[in-house]
Protein backbone atom coordinates (compact mmCIF):
# COMPACT_ATOMS: atom_id res chain seq x y z
CA MET A 1 10.01 5.57 -7.02
CA ARG A 2 6.53 5.24 -8.42
CA ALA A 3 3.69 3.47 -6.65
CA ASP A 4 0.34 2.89 -8.26
CA TYR A 5 -1.73 1.89 -5.26
CA PRO A 6 -5.36 2.65 -6.10
CA VAL A 7 -6.95 5.07 -3.61
CA LEU A 8 -10.53 6.31 -3.78
CA LEU A 9 -10.54 9.90 -2.53
CA ASP A 10 -13.78 11.01 -0.90
CA ALA A 11 -15.13 14.54 -0.58
CA CYS A 12 -13.86 14.85 3.00
CA VAL A 13 -10.32 14.68 1.57
CA LEU A 14 -10.87 16.67 -1.61
CA ALA A 15 -12.95 19.59 -0.32
CA PRO A 16 -10.54 21.17 2.22
CA ALA A 17 -7.96 23.09 0.19
CA ASN A 18 -4.87 22.32 2.30
CA LEU A 19 -5.55 18.60 2.62
CA CYS A 20 -6.49 18.31 -1.04
CA ASP A 21 -3.33 20.10 -2.11
CA LEU A 22 -1.15 17.74 -0.08
CA VAL A 23 -2.92 14.59 -1.24
CA LEU A 24 -2.96 15.53 -4.93
CA ASN A 25 0.70 16.55 -4.81
CA LEU A 26 1.46 13.03 -3.59
CA ALA A 27 -0.55 11.69 -6.54
CA GLU A 28 1.55 13.59 -9.09
CA SER A 29 4.55 12.04 -10.80
CA PRO A 30 6.45 10.31 -9.31
CA ARG A 31 3.29 9.37 -7.49
CA LEU A 32 2.86 7.49 -4.25
CA PHE A 33 -0.66 6.37 -5.18
CA PHE A 34 -3.16 6.49 -8.01
CA PRO A 35 -6.21 8.66 -7.16
CA TYR A 36 -9.78 7.76 -8.05
CA TRP A 37 -13.11 9.56 -7.66
CA SER A 38 -16.52 9.68 -9.31
CA ASP A 39 -18.89 12.32 -10.57
CA GLU A 40 -20.89 11.82 -7.37
CA ILE A 41 -17.85 12.49 -5.20
CA LEU A 42 -16.92 15.60 -7.19
CA ALA A 43 -20.52 16.84 -6.92
CA GLU A 44 -20.31 16.40 -3.14
CA VAL A 45 -17.01 18.32 -3.14
CA TYR A 46 -18.69 21.18 -5.02
CA ARG A 47 -21.62 21.27 -2.58
CA THR A 48 -19.24 21.26 0.40
CA GLN A 49 -16.97 23.94 -1.04
CA THR A 50 -19.82 26.29 -1.97
CA GLY A 51 -21.94 25.46 1.09
CA LYS A 52 -20.04 24.65 4.25
CA LEU A 53 -16.74 26.20 3.16
CA ASN A 54 -18.30 29.30 1.52
CA TRP A 55 -16.16 29.18 -1.61
CA PRO A 56 -17.32 31.43 -4.46
CA LYS A 57 -19.02 29.30 -7.14
CA LYS A 58 -16.48 30.40 -9.75
CA LEU A 59 -13.62 29.13 -7.56
CA ALA A 60 -15.34 25.78 -6.95
CA GLU A 61 -16.02 25.45 -10.69
CA PHE A 62 -12.37 26.25 -11.44
CA TRP A 63 -11.29 23.59 -8.94
CA GLN A 64 -13.56 21.02 -10.63
CA GLU A 65 -12.15 21.81 -14.05
CA SER A 66 -8.60 21.73 -12.72
CA VAL A 67 -8.76 18.30 -11.08
CA ARG A 68 -10.60 16.79 -14.05
CA THR A 69 -7.90 18.14 -16.37
CA ALA A 70 -4.93 17.22 -14.15
CA PHE A 71 -6.18 13.69 -13.38
CA PRO A 72 -8.48 12.58 -16.22
CA GLU A 73 -7.72 8.92 -15.49
CA ALA A 74 -9.00 9.28 -11.92
CA MET A 75 -12.68 9.25 -12.90
CA VAL A 76 -14.48 5.98 -12.20
CA SER A 77 -17.87 4.85 -13.45
CA ASN A 78 -19.90 1.65 -13.70
CA TYR A 79 -19.30 0.77 -10.08
CA GLY A 80 -22.94 0.41 -8.99
CA GLN A 81 -22.72 -3.37 -8.60
CA LEU A 82 -20.00 -2.89 -5.97
CA ILE A 83 -22.03 -0.60 -3.67
CA PRO A 84 -23.94 -3.47 -1.95
CA LEU A 85 -20.60 -5.05 -1.03
CA CYS A 86 -19.47 -1.98 0.92
CA GLU A 87 -19.37 -2.39 4.67
CA ASN A 88 -18.78 1.27 5.55
CA ASP A 89 -21.47 3.71 6.69
CA ALA A 90 -24.40 3.80 4.24
CA LYS A 91 -24.04 7.56 3.65
CA ASP A 92 -20.50 6.96 2.40
CA GLN A 93 -21.36 4.09 0.09
CA HIS A 94 -20.81 5.84 -3.18
CA GLY A 95 -18.00 5.83 -5.66
């Protein structure tokens, strides 16, 4: 079975190692959903990992490189016109 439901993954899902591992395993073939994120989300993940979670910078950089390589099609851009349509909390209105 392969499902290509589009799912935008935010930093709160991607930053914690255990949760991220589970979610990205479900996004691998045969996937249950198709993951999406943006440069802004990945930057927030990096800040969270190196700040709140105290990851070494080299590890956080390795993680960034790994997810970009494993899921190159997950990167979204040119979504700015959609931000005003978001009804969620303003601090989470990014892509």
